Amino acid sequence: MALVLMAITPSLKGFFIGLLAGGGVLAGLGAAFIFLSQQDRFR
């Protein structure tokens, strides 16, 4: 059982890191888009 968990954990860790990285990029793009649209409104 421990061996199976040890074998699965690295891929899960990579998956979660990829998920967090992708989520961070999407959040950054969304924030930038909202910020730019706000700037356009105030002009």
Protein backbone atom coordinates (compact mmCIF):
# COMPACT_ATOMS: atom_id res chain seq x y z
CA MET A 1 0.00 0.00 0.00
CA ALA A 2 2.76 2.45 0.94
CA LEU A 3 4.60 1.68 -2.30
CA VAL A 4 1.47 2.44 -4.33
CA LEU A 5 0.99 5.75 -2.51
CA MET A 6 4.66 6.64 -3.03
CA ALA A 7 4.29 5.88 -6.74
CA ILE A 8 1.09 7.94 -7.11
CA THR A 9 2.06 10.94 -4.96
CA PRO A 10 4.64 12.53 -7.34
CA SER A 11 2.16 12.57 -10.24
CA LEU A 12 -0.55 13.99 -7.97
CA LYS A 13 1.88 16.62 -6.72
CA GLY A 14 2.76 17.53 -10.30
CA PHE A 15 -0.92 17.64 -11.19
CA PHE A 16 -1.76 19.98 -8.30
CA ILE A 17 1.25 22.21 -9.05
CA GLY A 18 0.15 22.40 -12.68
CA LEU A 19 -3.40 23.16 -11.57
CA LEU A 20 -2.22 25.93 -9.23
CA ALA A 21 0.09 27.38 -11.90
CA GLY A 22 -2.67 27.32 -14.53
CA GLY A 23 -5.16 28.83 -12.07
CA GLY A 24 -2.68 31.56 -11.15
CA VAL A 25 -2.10 32.43 -14.81
CA LEU A 26 -5.84 32.54 -15.51
CA ALA A 27 -6.47 34.66 -12.41
CA GLY A 28 -3.69 37.05 -13.46
CA LEU A 29 -5.10 37.40 -16.97
CA GLY A 30 -8.61 37.93 -15.60
CA ALA A 31 -7.39 40.58 -13.15
CA ALA A 32 -5.43 42.36 -15.90
CA PHE A 33 -8.47 42.28 -18.20
CA ILE A 34 -10.76 43.69 -15.48
CA PHE A 35 -8.19 46.36 -14.58
CA LEU A 36 -7.84 47.45 -18.22
CA SER A 37 -11.62 47.57 -18.72
CA GLN A 38 -11.91 49.73 -15.58
CA GLN A 39 -9.24 52.07 -16.96
CA ASP A 40 -11.20 52.39 -20.22
CA ARG A 41 -14.36 53.28 -18.30
CA PHE A 42 -12.68 56.08 -16.34
CA ARG A 43 -11.14 57.68 -19.41
